[in-house]
Amino acid sequence: MKTLEVTKQALHAPMKQLTEMGYIISEPSASDRRVRELYLTEKGKKLEKKLSDVQRKKMEAVFQKLGWDHEIVWREVMEEIAKG
């Protein structure tokens, strides 16, 4: 949650909804009982793939239009954001 910079309370409703819809499951961590680990179900994996494919195609179209050198810059920006 530190990565997302949100509270447990802010995540509770969306996580519950995703669980009820069958997209994720939550299991206790084997190493720390206080921690719950989230996993995509098969249904969740299919949705993630579908959404990622759409996103990938849109990004490819943009980089084809602007030039592939923009993709390099975009990746560098994303890496810096990921570092925090």
PDB file of N, CA and C in Angstrom:
ATOM      1  N   MET A   1       0.815  -1.180   0.000  1.00  0.00           N
ATOM      2  CA  MET A   1       0.000   0.000   0.000  1.00  0.00           C
ATOM      3  C   MET A   1       0.868   1.257   0.000  1.00  0.00           C
ATOM      4  N   LYS A   2       2.092   1.111   0.459  1.00  0.00           N
ATOM      5  CA  LYS A   2       3.002   2.251   0.400  1.00  0.00           C
ATOM      6  C   LYS A   2       3.259   2.635  -1.051  1.00  0.00           C
ATOM      7  N   THR A   3       3.392   1.619  -1.902  1.00  0.00           N
ATOM      8  CA  THR A   3       3.633   1.883  -3.315  1.00  0.00           C
ATOM      9  C   THR A   3       2.482   2.667  -3.920  1.00  0.00           C
ATOM     10  N   LEU A   4       1.261   2.284  -3.575  1.00  0.00           N
ATOM     11  CA  LEU A   4       0.077   2.955  -4.111  1.00  0.00           C
ATOM     12  C   LEU A   4      -0.247   4.255  -3.389  1.00  0.00           C
ATOM     13  N   GLU A   5       0.334   4.430  -2.211  1.00  0.00           N
ATOM     14  CA  GLU A   5       0.075   5.602  -1.379  1.00  0.00           C
ATOM     15  C   GLU A   5      -1.417   5.760  -1.070  1.00  0.00           C
ATOM     16  N   VAL A   6      -2.035   4.643  -0.665  1.00  0.00           N
ATOM     17  CA  VAL A   6      -3.443   4.653  -0.264  1.00  0.00           C
ATOM     18  C   VAL A   6      -3.585   3.908   1.061  1.00  0.00           C
ATOM     19  N   THR A   7      -4.705   4.148   1.728  1.00  0.00           N
ATOM     20  CA  THR A   7      -4.967   3.494   3.006  1.00  0.00           C
ATOM     21  C   THR A   7      -5.665   2.158   2.795  1.00  0.00           C
ATOM     22  N   LYS A   8      -5.667   1.332   3.837  1.00  0.00           N
ATOM     23  CA  LYS A   8      -6.404   0.066   3.793  1.00  0.00           C
ATOM     24  C   LYS A   8      -7.877   0.328   3.524  1.00  0.00           C
ATOM     25  N   GLN A   9      -8.399   1.361   4.154  1.00  0.00           N
ATOM     26  CA  GLN A   9      -9.809   1.689   4.006  1.00  0.00           C
ATOM     27  C   GLN A   9     -10.155   2.054   2.562  1.00  0.00           C
ATOM     28  N   ALA A  10      -9.260   2.759   1.891  1.00  0.00           N
ATOM     29  CA  ALA A  10      -9.505   3.158   0.506  1.00  0.00           C
ATOM     30  C   ALA A  10      -9.513   1.960  -0.437  1.00  0.00           C
ATOM     31  N   LEU A  11      -8.778   0.918  -0.092  1.00  0.00           N
ATOM     32  CA  LEU A  11      -8.700  -0.271  -0.943  1.00  0.00           C
ATOM     33  C   LEU A  11      -9.781  -1.300  -0.650  1.00  0.00           C
ATOM     34  N   HIS A  12     -10.380  -1.235   0.515  1.00  0.00           N
ATOM     35  CA  HIS A  12     -11.307  -2.283   0.944  1.00  0.00           C
ATOM     36  C   HIS A  12     -12.458  -2.505  -0.046  1.00  0.00           C
ATOM     37  N   ALA A  13     -13.197  -1.475  -0.394  1.00  0.00           N
ATOM     38  CA  ALA A  13     -14.363  -1.635  -1.272  1.00  0.00           C
ATOM     39  C   ALA A  13     -13.986  -2.144  -2.666  1.00  0.00           C
ATOM     40  N   PRO A  14     -12.984  -1.545  -3.339  1.00  0.00           N
ATOM     41  CA  PRO A  14     -12.633  -2.072  -4.665  1.00  0.00           C
ATOM     42  C   PRO A  14     -12.126  -3.515  -4.622  1.00  0.00           C
ATOM     43  N   MET A  15     -11.351  -3.856  -3.587  1.00  0.00           N
ATOM     44  CA  MET A  15     -10.842  -5.223  -3.481  1.00  0.00           C
ATOM     45  C   MET A  15     -11.980  -6.206  -3.244  1.00  0.00           C
ATOM     46  N   LYS A  16     -12.929  -5.819  -2.412  1.00  0.00           N
ATOM     47  CA  LYS A  16     -14.086  -6.670  -2.152  1.00  0.00           C
ATOM     48  C   LYS A  16     -14.877  -6.889  -3.439  1.00  0.00           C
ATOM     49  N   GLN A  17     -15.061  -5.824  -4.201  1.00  0.00           N
ATOM     50  CA  GLN A  17     -15.808  -5.926  -5.453  1.00  0.00           C
ATOM     51  C   GLN A  17     -15.083  -6.833  -6.451  1.00  0.00           C
ATOM     52  N   LEU A  18     -13.782  -6.677  -6.587  1.00  0.00           N
ATOM     53  CA  LEU A  18     -13.019  -7.529  -7.502  1.00  0.00           C
ATOM     54  C   LEU A  18     -13.074  -8.992  -7.076  1.00  0.00           C
ATOM     55  N   THR A  19     -13.070  -9.232  -5.773  1.00  0.00           N
ATOM     56  CA  THR A  19     -13.180 -10.596  -5.255  1.00  0.00           C
ATOM     57  C   THR A  19     -14.555 -11.168  -5.565  1.00  0.00           C
ATOM     58  N   GLU A  20     -15.595 -10.389  -5.294  1.00  0.00           N
ATOM     59  CA  GLU A  20     -16.962 -10.851  -5.547  1.00  0.00           C
ATOM     60  C   GLU A  20     -17.216 -11.098  -7.029  1.00  0.00           C
ATOM     61  N   MET A  21     -16.553 -10.327  -7.882  1.00  0.00           N
ATOM     62  CA  MET A  21     -16.707 -10.494  -9.332  1.00  0.00           C
ATOM     63  C   MET A  21     -15.876 -11.656  -9.868  1.00  0.00           C
ATOM     64  N   GLY A  22     -15.019 -12.221  -9.017  1.00  0.00           N
ATOM     65  CA  GLY A  22     -14.228 -13.377  -9.414  1.00  0.00           C
ATOM     66  C   GLY A  22     -12.936 -13.061 -10.138  1.00  0.00           C
ATOM     67  N   TYR A  23     -12.439 -11.834 -10.002  1.00  0.00           N
ATOM     68  CA  TYR A  23     -11.203 -11.456 -10.679  1.00  0.00           C
ATOM     69  C   TYR A  23      -9.955 -11.698  -9.837  1.00  0.00           C
ATOM     70  N   ILE A  24     -10.091 -11.661  -8.521  1.00  0.00           N
ATOM     71  CA  ILE A  24      -8.943 -11.880  -7.644  1.00  0.00           C
ATOM     72  C   ILE A  24      -9.331 -12.780  -6.478  1.00  0.00           C
ATOM     73  N   ILE A  25      -8.304 -13.378  -5.886  1.00  0.00           N
ATOM     74  CA  ILE A  25      -8.479 -14.090  -4.621  1.00  0.00           C
ATOM     75  C   ILE A  25      -7.442 -13.539  -3.649  1.00  0.00           C
ATOM     76  N   SER A  26      -7.752 -13.629  -2.380  1.00  0.00           N
ATOM     77  CA  SER A  26      -6.871 -13.140  -1.326  1.00  0.00           C
ATOM     78  C   SER A  26      -6.565 -14.303  -0.399  1.00  0.00           C
ATOM     79  N   GLU A  27      -5.279 -14.531  -0.153  1.00  0.00           N
ATOM     80  CA  GLU A  27      -4.862 -15.626   0.716  1.00  0.00           C
ATOM     81  C   GLU A  27      -3.866 -15.115   1.742  1.00  0.00           C
ATOM     82  N   PRO A  28      -3.861 -15.722   2.933  1.00  0.00           N
ATOM     83  CA  PRO A  28      -2.869 -15.319   3.934  1.00  0.00           C
ATOM     84  C   PRO A  28      -1.458 -15.659   3.457  1.00  0.00           C
ATOM     85  N   SER A  29      -0.521 -14.808   3.793  1.00  0.00           N
ATOM     86  CA  SER A  29       0.874 -15.043   3.444  1.00  0.00           C
ATOM     87  C   SER A  29       1.410 -16.220   4.252  1.00  0.00           C
ATOM     88  N   ALA A  30       2.213 -17.037   3.624  1.00  0.00           N
ATOM     89  CA  ALA A  30       2.827 -18.169   4.323  1.00  0.00           C
ATOM     90  C   ALA A  30       3.887 -17.692   5.316  1.00  0.00           C
ATOM     91  N   SER A  31       4.484 -16.541   5.045  1.00  0.00           N
ATOM     92  CA  SER A  31       5.571 -16.059   5.896  1.00  0.00           C
ATOM     93  C   SER A  31       5.135 -15.056   6.964  1.00  0.00           C
ATOM     94  N   ASP A  32       3.957 -14.445   6.791  1.00  0.00           N
ATOM     95  CA  ASP A  32       3.507 -13.429   7.752  1.00  0.00           C
ATOM     96  C   ASP A  32       1.985 -13.426   7.800  1.00  0.00           C
ATOM     97  N   ARG A  33       1.424 -13.903   8.889  1.00  0.00           N
ATOM     98  CA  ARG A  33      -0.033 -14.041   9.008  1.00  0.00           C
ATOM     99  C   ARG A  33      -0.767 -12.706   8.928  1.00  0.00           C
ATOM    100  N   ARG A  34      -0.078 -11.619   9.182  1.00  0.00           N
ATOM    101  CA  ARG A  34      -0.713 -10.301   9.112  1.00  0.00           C
ATOM    102  C   ARG A  34      -0.913  -9.833   7.676  1.00  0.00           C
ATOM    103  N   VAL A  35      -0.222 -10.472   6.753  1.00  0.00           N
ATOM    104  CA  VAL A  35      -0.224 -10.059   5.348  1.00  0.00           C
ATOM    105  C   VAL A  35      -1.147 -10.948   4.533  1.00  0.00           C
ATOM    106  N   ARG A  36      -1.887 -10.332   3.603  1.00  0.00           N
ATOM    107  CA  ARG A  36      -2.709 -11.087   2.662  1.00  0.00           C
ATOM    108  C   ARG A  36      -2.115 -10.889   1.275  1.00  0.00           C
ATOM    109  N   GLU A  37      -1.999 -11.975   0.538  1.00  0.00           N
ATOM    110  CA  GLU A  37      -1.457 -11.909  -0.815  1.00  0.00           C
ATOM    111  C   GLU A  37      -2.610 -11.998  -1.802  1.00  0.00           C
ATOM    112  N   LEU A  38      -2.542 -11.187  -2.845  1.00  0.00           N
ATOM    113  CA  LEU A  38      -3.591 -11.145  -3.858  1.00  0.00           C
ATOM    114  C   LEU A  38      -3.114 -11.838  -5.121  1.00  0.00           C
ATOM    115  N   TYR A  39      -4.026 -12.589  -5.721  1.00  0.00           N
ATOM    116  CA  TYR A  39      -3.725 -13.304  -6.956  1.00  0.00           C
ATOM    117  C   TYR A  39      -4.870 -13.116  -7.935  1.00  0.00           C
ATOM    118  N   LEU A  40      -4.521 -13.042  -9.216  1.00  0.00           N
ATOM    119  CA  LEU A  40      -5.550 -13.029 -10.250  1.00  0.00           C
ATOM    120  C   LEU A  40      -6.098 -14.437 -10.418  1.00  0.00           C
ATOM    121  N   THR A  41      -7.406 -14.534 -10.583  1.00  0.00           N
ATOM    122  CA  THR A  41      -8.016 -15.807 -10.940  1.00  0.00           C
ATOM    123  C   THR A  41      -7.850 -15.983 -12.451  1.00  0.00           C
ATOM    124  N   GLU A  42      -8.286 -17.108 -12.984  1.00  0.00           N
ATOM    125  CA  GLU A  42      -8.239 -17.293 -14.441  1.00  0.00           C
ATOM    126  C   GLU A  42      -9.054 -16.204 -15.128  1.00  0.00           C
ATOM    127  N   LYS A  43     -10.208 -15.888 -14.558  1.00  0.00           N
ATOM    128  CA  LYS A  43     -11.050 -14.817 -15.105  1.00  0.00           C
ATOM    129  C   LYS A  43     -10.295 -13.488 -15.068  1.00  0.00           C
ATOM    130  N   GLY A  44      -9.604 -13.227 -13.976  1.00  0.00           N
ATOM    131  CA  GLY A  44      -8.814 -12.005 -13.846  1.00  0.00           C
ATOM    132  C   GLY A  44      -7.661 -11.961 -14.835  1.00  0.00           C
ATOM    133  N   LYS A  45      -7.013 -13.098 -15.045  1.00  0.00           N
ATOM    134  CA  LYS A  45      -5.905 -13.165 -16.002  1.00  0.00           C
ATOM    135  C   LYS A  45      -6.391 -12.885 -17.416  1.00  0.00           C
ATOM    136  N   LYS A  46      -7.562 -13.414 -17.762  1.00  0.00           N
ATOM    137  CA  LYS A  46      -8.120 -13.168 -19.098  1.00  0.00           C
ATOM    138  C   LYS A  46      -8.427 -11.689 -19.295  1.00  0.00           C
ATOM    139  N   LEU A  47      -9.010 -11.059 -18.284  1.00  0.00           N
ATOM    140  CA  LEU A  47      -9.320  -9.634 -18.380  1.00  0.00           C
ATOM    141  C   LEU A  47      -8.043  -8.807 -18.469  1.00  0.00           C
ATOM    142  N   GLU A  48      -7.050  -9.139 -17.666  1.00  0.00           N
ATOM    143  CA  GLU A  48      -5.778  -8.408 -17.699  1.00  0.00           C
ATOM    144  C   GLU A  48      -5.140  -8.511 -19.075  1.00  0.00           C
ATOM    145  N   LYS A  49      -5.173  -9.701 -19.671  1.00  0.00           N
ATOM    146  CA  LYS A  49      -4.598  -9.884 -21.002  1.00  0.00           C
ATOM    147  C   LYS A  49      -5.348  -9.051 -22.031  1.00  0.00           C
ATOM    148  N   LYS A  50      -6.661  -9.081 -21.965  1.00  0.00           N
ATOM    149  CA  LYS A  50      -7.481  -8.315 -22.909  1.00  0.00           C
ATOM    150  C   LYS A  50      -7.176  -6.822 -22.802  1.00  0.00           C
ATOM    151  N   LEU A  51      -7.143  -6.303 -21.583  1.00  0.00           N
ATOM    152  CA  LEU A  51      -6.872  -4.881 -21.379  1.00  0.00           C
ATOM    153  C   LEU A  51      -5.450  -4.520 -21.779  1.00  0.00           C
ATOM    154  N   SER A  52      -4.504  -5.391 -21.474  1.00  0.00           N
ATOM    155  CA  SER A  52      -3.109  -5.132 -21.837  1.00  0.00           C
ATOM    156  C   SER A  52      -2.924  -5.141 -23.346  1.00  0.00           C
ATOM    157  N   ASP A  53      -3.611  -6.055 -24.028  1.00  0.00           N
ATOM    158  CA  ASP A  53      -3.515  -6.111 -25.489  1.00  0.00           C
ATOM    159  C   ASP A  53      -4.035  -4.820 -26.114  1.00  0.00           C
ATOM    160  N   VAL A  54      -5.158  -4.321 -25.602  1.00  0.00           N
ATOM    161  CA  VAL A  54      -5.724  -3.067 -26.110  1.00  0.00           C
ATOM    162  C   VAL A  54      -4.736  -1.926 -25.873  1.00  0.00           C
ATOM    163  N   GLN A  55      -4.210  -1.854 -24.669  1.00  0.00           N
ATOM    164  CA  GLN A  55      -3.245  -0.797 -24.315  1.00  0.00           C
ATOM    165  C   GLN A  55      -2.005  -0.887 -25.197  1.00  0.00           C
ATOM    166  N   ARG A  56      -1.497  -2.101 -25.383  1.00  0.00           N
ATOM    167  CA  ARG A  56      -0.291  -2.302 -26.188  1.00  0.00           C
ATOM    168  C   ARG A  56      -0.509  -1.821 -27.622  1.00  0.00           C
ATOM    169  N   LYS A  57      -1.664  -2.144 -28.198  1.00  0.00           N
ATOM    170  CA  LYS A  57      -1.967  -1.726 -29.571  1.00  0.00           C
ATOM    171  C   LYS A  57      -2.059  -0.207 -29.673  1.00  0.00           C
ATOM    172  N   LYS A  58      -2.667   0.426 -28.687  1.00  0.00           N
ATOM    173  CA  LYS A  58      -2.767   1.888 -28.696  1.00  0.00           C
ATOM    174  C   LYS A  58      -1.387   2.525 -28.580  1.00  0.00           C
ATOM    175  N   MET A  59      -0.566   1.992 -27.694  1.00  0.00           N
ATOM    176  CA  MET A  59       0.785   2.527 -27.521  1.00  0.00           C
ATOM    177  C   MET A  59       1.602   2.344 -28.801  1.00  0.00           C
ATOM    178  N   GLU A  60       1.470   1.190 -29.419  1.00  0.00           N
ATOM    179  CA  GLU A  60       2.202   0.933 -30.658  1.00  0.00           C
ATOM    180  C   GLU A  60       1.796   1.921 -31.741  1.00  0.00           C
ATOM    181  N   ALA A  61       0.498   2.198 -31.852  1.00  0.00           N
ATOM    182  CA  ALA A  61       0.016   3.153 -32.852  1.00  0.00           C
ATOM    183  C   ALA A  61       0.587   4.548 -32.600  1.00  0.00           C
ATOM    184  N   VAL A  62       0.648   4.943 -31.348  1.00  0.00           N
ATOM    185  CA  VAL A  62       1.201   6.259 -31.001  1.00  0.00           C
ATOM    186  C   VAL A  62       2.679   6.328 -31.368  1.00  0.00           C
ATOM    187  N   PHE A  63       3.442   5.298 -31.012  1.00  0.00           N
ATOM    188  CA  PHE A  63       4.874   5.324 -31.294  1.00  0.00           C
ATOM    189  C   PHE A  63       5.156   5.221 -32.789  1.00  0.00           C
ATOM    190  N   GLN A  64       4.300   4.522 -33.527  1.00  0.00           N
ATOM    191  CA  GLN A  64       4.469   4.489 -34.979  1.00  0.00           C
ATOM    192  C   GLN A  64       4.262   5.883 -35.564  1.00  0.00           C
ATOM    193  N   LYS A  65       3.311   6.600 -35.011  1.00  0.00           N
ATOM    194  CA  LYS A  65       3.011   7.952 -35.494  1.00  0.00           C
ATOM    195  C   LYS A  65       4.107   8.943 -35.106  1.00  0.00           C
ATOM    196  N   LEU A  66       4.547   8.893 -33.851  1.00  0.00           N
ATOM    197  CA  LEU A  66       5.512   9.869 -33.339  1.00  0.00           C
ATOM    198  C   LEU A  66       6.961   9.497 -33.613  1.00  0.00           C
ATOM    199  N   GLY A  67       7.216   8.220 -33.774  1.00  0.00           N
ATOM    200  CA  GLY A  67       8.582   7.740 -33.960  1.00  0.00           C
ATOM    201  C   GLY A  67       9.004   6.895 -32.770  1.00  0.00           C
ATOM    202  N   TRP A  68       9.776   5.867 -33.055  1.00  0.00           N
ATOM    203  CA  TRP A  68      10.150   4.905 -32.020  1.00  0.00           C
ATOM    204  C   TRP A  68      11.102   5.495 -30.987  1.00  0.00           C
ATOM    205  N   ASP A  69      11.752   6.613 -31.301  1.00  0.00           N
ATOM    206  CA  ASP A  69      12.611   7.253 -30.306  1.00  0.00           C
ATOM    207  C   ASP A  69      11.787   7.751 -29.116  1.00  0.00           C
ATOM    208  N   HIS A  70      10.512   8.057 -29.342  1.00  0.00           N
ATOM    209  CA  HIS A  70       9.632   8.469 -28.249  1.00  0.00           C
ATOM    210  C   HIS A  70       9.366   7.308 -27.282  1.00  0.00           C
ATOM    211  N   GLU A  71       9.372   6.096 -27.815  1.00  0.00           N
ATOM    212  CA  GLU A  71       9.171   4.935 -26.941  1.00  0.00           C
ATOM    213  C   GLU A  71      10.323   4.821 -25.945  1.00  0.00           C
ATOM    214  N   ILE A  72      11.522   5.073 -26.401  1.00  0.00           N
ATOM    215  CA  ILE A  72      12.690   4.992 -25.521  1.00  0.00           C
ATOM    216  C   ILE A  72      12.557   6.001 -24.384  1.00  0.00           C
ATOM    217  N   VAL A  73      12.179   7.221 -24.725  1.00  0.00           N
ATOM    218  CA  VAL A  73      12.005   8.259 -23.705  1.00  0.00           C
ATOM    219  C   VAL A  73      10.881   7.871 -22.749  1.00  0.00           C
ATOM    220  N   TRP A  74       9.784   7.366 -23.290  1.00  0.00           N
ATOM    221  CA  TRP A  74       8.648   6.954 -22.456  1.00  0.00           C
ATOM    222  C   TRP A  74       9.082   5.875 -21.464  1.00  0.00           C
ATOM    223  N   ARG A  75       9.830   4.900 -21.927  1.00  0.00           N
ATOM    224  CA  ARG A  75      10.307   3.833 -21.037  1.00  0.00           C
ATOM    225  C   ARG A  75      11.211   4.394 -19.936  1.00  0.00           C
ATOM    226  N   GLU A  76      12.060   5.336 -20.292  1.00  0.00           N
ATOM    227  CA  GLU A  76      12.935   5.953 -19.288  1.00  0.00           C
ATOM    228  C   GLU A  76      12.115   6.689 -18.232  1.00  0.00           C
ATOM    229  N   VAL A  77      11.092   7.409 -18.671  1.00  0.00           N
ATOM    230  CA  VAL A  77      10.213   8.114 -17.733  1.00  0.00           C
ATOM    231  C   VAL A  77       9.518   7.119 -16.818  1.00  0.00           C
ATOM    232  N   MET A  78       8.985   6.041 -17.378  1.00  0.00           N
ATOM    233  CA  MET A  78       8.277   5.040 -16.583  1.00  0.00           C
ATOM    234  C   MET A  78       9.213   4.373 -15.576  1.00  0.00           C
ATOM    235  N   GLU A  79      10.450   4.120 -15.966  1.00  0.00           N
ATOM    236  CA  GLU A  79      11.425   3.528 -15.042  1.00  0.00           C
ATOM    237  C   GLU A  79      11.709   4.466 -13.873  1.00  0.00           C
ATOM    238  N   GLU A  80      11.825   5.754 -14.146  1.00  0.00           N
ATOM    239  CA  GLU A  80      12.060   6.730 -13.073  1.00  0.00           C
ATOM    240  C   GLU A  80      10.862   6.806 -12.134  1.00  0.00           C
ATOM    241  N   ILE A  81       9.666   6.766 -12.688  1.00  0.00           N
ATOM    242  CA  ILE A  81       8.457   6.780 -11.857  1.00  0.00           C
ATOM    243  C   ILE A  81       8.421   5.540 -10.977  1.00  0.00           C
ATOM    244  N   ALA A  82       8.760   4.394 -11.548  1.00  0.00           N
ATOM    245  CA  ALA A  82       8.734   3.131 -10.795  1.00  0.00           C
ATOM    246  C   ALA A  82       9.739   3.137  -9.642  1.00  0.00           C
ATOM    247  N   LYS A  83      10.830   3.839  -9.806  1.00  0.00           N
ATOM    248  CA  LYS A  83      11.839   3.919  -8.743  1.00  0.00           C
ATOM    249  C   LYS A  83      11.314   4.680  -7.531  1.00  0.00           C
ATOM    250  N   GLY A  84      10.332   5.543  -7.781  1.00  0.00           N
ATOM    251  CA  GLY A  84       9.749   6.315  -6.677  1.00  0.00           C
ATOM    252  C   GLY A  84      10.478   7.555  -6.492  1.00  0.00           C
TER     253      GLY A  84
END
